[in-house]
């Protein structure tokens, strides 16, 4: 069974971690800066690709941001693509003015 969780591993650095049967099979690299979550990279182990697990990581990230009233800066190509494909779904957490 798959599970996800947000873990901060150091000062303002963290991950959304994805587990399958107690083994970590994916992650999203994060940093917290000024009330915003920067997402740098999404990764799922090769043996688990194509099963929608990146979407599980994204769902955990977005749920965490909503719960904590944070905005997301989508530097990760996967997250950025999902935000652009589904702008209404992520509008409340998407920090569109991050480059200014």
C-alpha atoms as a PDB file:
ATOM      1  CA  UNK A   1       0.000   0.000   0.000  1.00  0.00           C
ATOM      2  CA  UNK A   2       1.248   3.472  -0.896  1.00  0.00           C
ATOM      3  CA  UNK A   3       1.519   6.371   1.533  1.00  0.00           C
ATOM      4  CA  UNK A   4       2.892   9.908   1.381  1.00  0.00           C
ATOM      5  CA  UNK A   5       4.120  12.427   3.935  1.00  0.00           C
ATOM      6  CA  UNK A   6       5.823  15.822   4.087  1.00  0.00           C
ATOM      7  CA  UNK A   7       9.087  15.811   6.038  1.00  0.00           C
ATOM      8  CA  UNK A   8      11.368  18.760   6.684  1.00  0.00           C
ATOM      9  CA  UNK A   9      14.899  17.412   6.866  1.00  0.00           C
ATOM     10  CA  UNK A  10      16.785  20.543   7.837  1.00  0.00           C
ATOM     11  CA  UNK A  11      16.473  24.291   8.117  1.00  0.00           C
ATOM     12  CA  UNK A  12      13.735  25.079   5.576  1.00  0.00           C
ATOM     13  CA  UNK A  13      14.590  22.010   3.417  1.00  0.00           C
ATOM     14  CA  UNK A  14      12.280  19.080   3.027  1.00  0.00           C
ATOM     15  CA  UNK A  15      10.651  16.395   0.940  1.00  0.00           C
ATOM     16  CA  UNK A  16       7.310  14.919   0.139  1.00  0.00           C
ATOM     17  CA  UNK A  17       8.084  11.230   0.503  1.00  0.00           C
ATOM     18  CA  UNK A  18       6.272   8.338  -1.196  1.00  0.00           C
ATOM     19  CA  UNK A  19       6.365   4.842   0.284  1.00  0.00           C
ATOM     20  CA  UNK A  20       5.179   1.471  -0.988  1.00  0.00           C
ATOM     21  CA  UNK A  21       5.182  -1.338   1.559  1.00  0.00           C
ATOM     22  CA  UNK A  22       7.537   0.572   3.881  1.00  0.00           C
ATOM     23  CA  UNK A  23      10.133   1.267   1.139  1.00  0.00           C
ATOM     24  CA  UNK A  24      10.620   4.815  -0.132  1.00  0.00           C
ATOM     25  CA  UNK A  25       9.940   4.805  -3.883  1.00  0.00           C
ATOM     26  CA  UNK A  26       9.670   8.507  -4.661  1.00  0.00           C
ATOM     27  CA  UNK A  27      10.090  12.052  -3.451  1.00  0.00           C
ATOM     28  CA  UNK A  28       9.649  15.717  -4.189  1.00  0.00           C
ATOM     29  CA  UNK A  29      12.441  18.099  -3.110  1.00  0.00           C
ATOM     30  CA  UNK A  30      11.223  21.255  -1.316  1.00  0.00           C
ATOM     31  CA  UNK A  31      12.382  24.406   0.395  1.00  0.00           C
ATOM     32  CA  UNK A  32      10.334  26.773   2.545  1.00  0.00           C
ATOM     33  CA  UNK A  33      11.049  30.454   1.951  1.00  0.00           C
ATOM     34  CA  UNK A  34       8.907  33.352   3.078  1.00  0.00           C
ATOM     35  CA  UNK A  35       5.658  31.417   3.415  1.00  0.00           C
ATOM     36  CA  UNK A  36       6.139  29.715   0.067  1.00  0.00           C
ATOM     37  CA  UNK A  37       7.079  26.167  -0.817  1.00  0.00           C
ATOM     38  CA  UNK A  38       9.602  25.930  -3.638  1.00  0.00           C
ATOM     39  CA  UNK A  39       9.370  22.582  -5.418  1.00  0.00           C
ATOM     40  CA  UNK A  40      12.565  21.682  -7.258  1.00  0.00           C
ATOM     41  CA  UNK A  41      12.293  18.076  -8.373  1.00  0.00           C
ATOM     42  CA  UNK A  42       9.895  15.123  -8.490  1.00  0.00           C
ATOM     43  CA  UNK A  43      11.276  11.614  -8.700  1.00  0.00           C
ATOM     44  CA  UNK A  44       9.724   8.121  -8.718  1.00  0.00           C
ATOM     45  CA  UNK A  45      11.879   4.982  -8.836  1.00  0.00           C
ATOM     46  CA  UNK A  46      12.046   3.477 -12.322  1.00  0.00           C
ATOM     47  CA  UNK A  47      10.219   0.302 -11.327  1.00  0.00           C
ATOM     48  CA  UNK A  48       7.213   2.374 -10.250  1.00  0.00           C
ATOM     49  CA  UNK A  49       7.021   4.886 -13.118  1.00  0.00           C
ATOM     50  CA  UNK A  50       3.815   5.219 -15.121  1.00  0.00           C
ATOM     51  CA  UNK A  51       1.490   4.308 -12.248  1.00  0.00           C
ATOM     52  CA  UNK A  52       0.413   7.817 -11.255  1.00  0.00           C
ATOM     53  CA  UNK A  53       2.678   8.044  -8.219  1.00  0.00           C
ATOM     54  CA  UNK A  54       3.956  11.517  -9.137  1.00  0.00           C
ATOM     55  CA  UNK A  55       0.318  12.625  -8.937  1.00  0.00           C
ATOM     56  CA  UNK A  56       0.152  11.197  -5.378  1.00  0.00           C
ATOM     57  CA  UNK A  57       3.200  13.261  -4.443  1.00  0.00           C
ATOM     58  CA  UNK A  58       1.600  16.357  -5.956  1.00  0.00           C
ATOM     59  CA  UNK A  59      -1.667  15.727  -4.106  1.00  0.00           C
ATOM     60  CA  UNK A  60       0.200  15.496  -0.783  1.00  0.00           C
ATOM     61  CA  UNK A  61       2.121  18.693  -1.544  1.00  0.00           C
ATOM     62  CA  UNK A  62      -1.036  20.621  -2.467  1.00  0.00           C
ATOM     63  CA  UNK A  63      -2.920  19.288   0.567  1.00  0.00           C
ATOM     64  CA  UNK A  64      -0.060  20.362   2.839  1.00  0.00           C
ATOM     65  CA  UNK A  65       0.042  23.829   1.259  1.00  0.00           C
ATOM     66  CA  UNK A  66      -3.717  24.254   1.699  1.00  0.00           C
ATOM     67  CA  UNK A  67      -3.618  23.067   5.298  1.00  0.00           C
ATOM     68  CA  UNK A  68      -0.765  25.464   6.168  1.00  0.00           C
ATOM     69  CA  UNK A  69      -2.059  28.331   3.981  1.00  0.00           C
ATOM     70  CA  UNK A  70       1.095  28.335   1.829  1.00  0.00           C
ATOM     71  CA  UNK A  71       1.748  29.094  -1.817  1.00  0.00           C
ATOM     72  CA  UNK A  72       3.751  26.823  -4.123  1.00  0.00           C
ATOM     73  CA  UNK A  73       6.493  27.973  -6.479  1.00  0.00           C
ATOM     74  CA  UNK A  74       6.570  25.257  -9.163  1.00  0.00           C
ATOM     75  CA  UNK A  75      10.233  25.139 -10.230  1.00  0.00           C
ATOM     76  CA  UNK A  76       9.936  21.400 -10.881  1.00  0.00           C
ATOM     77  CA  UNK A  77       9.022  20.722 -14.538  1.00  0.00           C
ATOM     78  CA  UNK A  78       6.384  18.133 -13.553  1.00  0.00           C
ATOM     79  CA  UNK A  79       4.639  20.401 -11.022  1.00  0.00           C
ATOM     80  CA  UNK A  80       4.871  23.386 -13.360  1.00  0.00           C
ATOM     81  CA  UNK A  81       3.294  21.364 -16.187  1.00  0.00           C
ATOM     82  CA  UNK A  82       0.455  20.154 -13.949  1.00  0.00           C
ATOM     83  CA  UNK A  83      -0.248  23.686 -12.719  1.00  0.00           C
ATOM     84  CA  UNK A  84      -0.413  24.936 -16.307  1.00  0.00           C
ATOM     85  CA  UNK A  85      -2.607  22.024 -17.462  1.00  0.00           C
ATOM     86  CA  UNK A  86      -5.048  22.422 -14.552  1.00  0.00           C
ATOM     87  CA  UNK A  87      -4.831  26.084 -13.475  1.00  0.00           C
ATOM     88  CA  UNK A  88      -8.230  26.191 -11.756  1.00  0.00           C
ATOM     89  CA  UNK A  89      -7.435  23.112  -9.665  1.00  0.00           C
ATOM     90  CA  UNK A  90      -4.277  24.716  -8.257  1.00  0.00           C
ATOM     91  CA  UNK A  91      -5.125  28.423  -8.388  1.00  0.00           C
ATOM     92  CA  UNK A  92      -5.426  28.771  -4.602  1.00  0.00           C
ATOM     93  CA  UNK A  93      -1.895  27.456  -3.955  1.00  0.00           C
ATOM     94  CA  UNK A  94      -0.036  28.579  -7.091  1.00  0.00           C
ATOM     95  CA  UNK A  95       2.403  31.448  -6.524  1.00  0.00           C
ATOM     96  CA  UNK A  96       2.377  32.944 -10.004  1.00  0.00           C
ATOM     97  CA  UNK A  97       4.316  36.076  -9.097  1.00  0.00           C
ATOM     98  CA  UNK A  98       7.393  34.276  -7.692  1.00  0.00           C
ATOM     99  CA  UNK A  99       9.791  35.567 -10.355  1.00  0.00           C
ATOM    100  CA  UNK A 100       9.115  39.220  -9.564  1.00  0.00           C
END
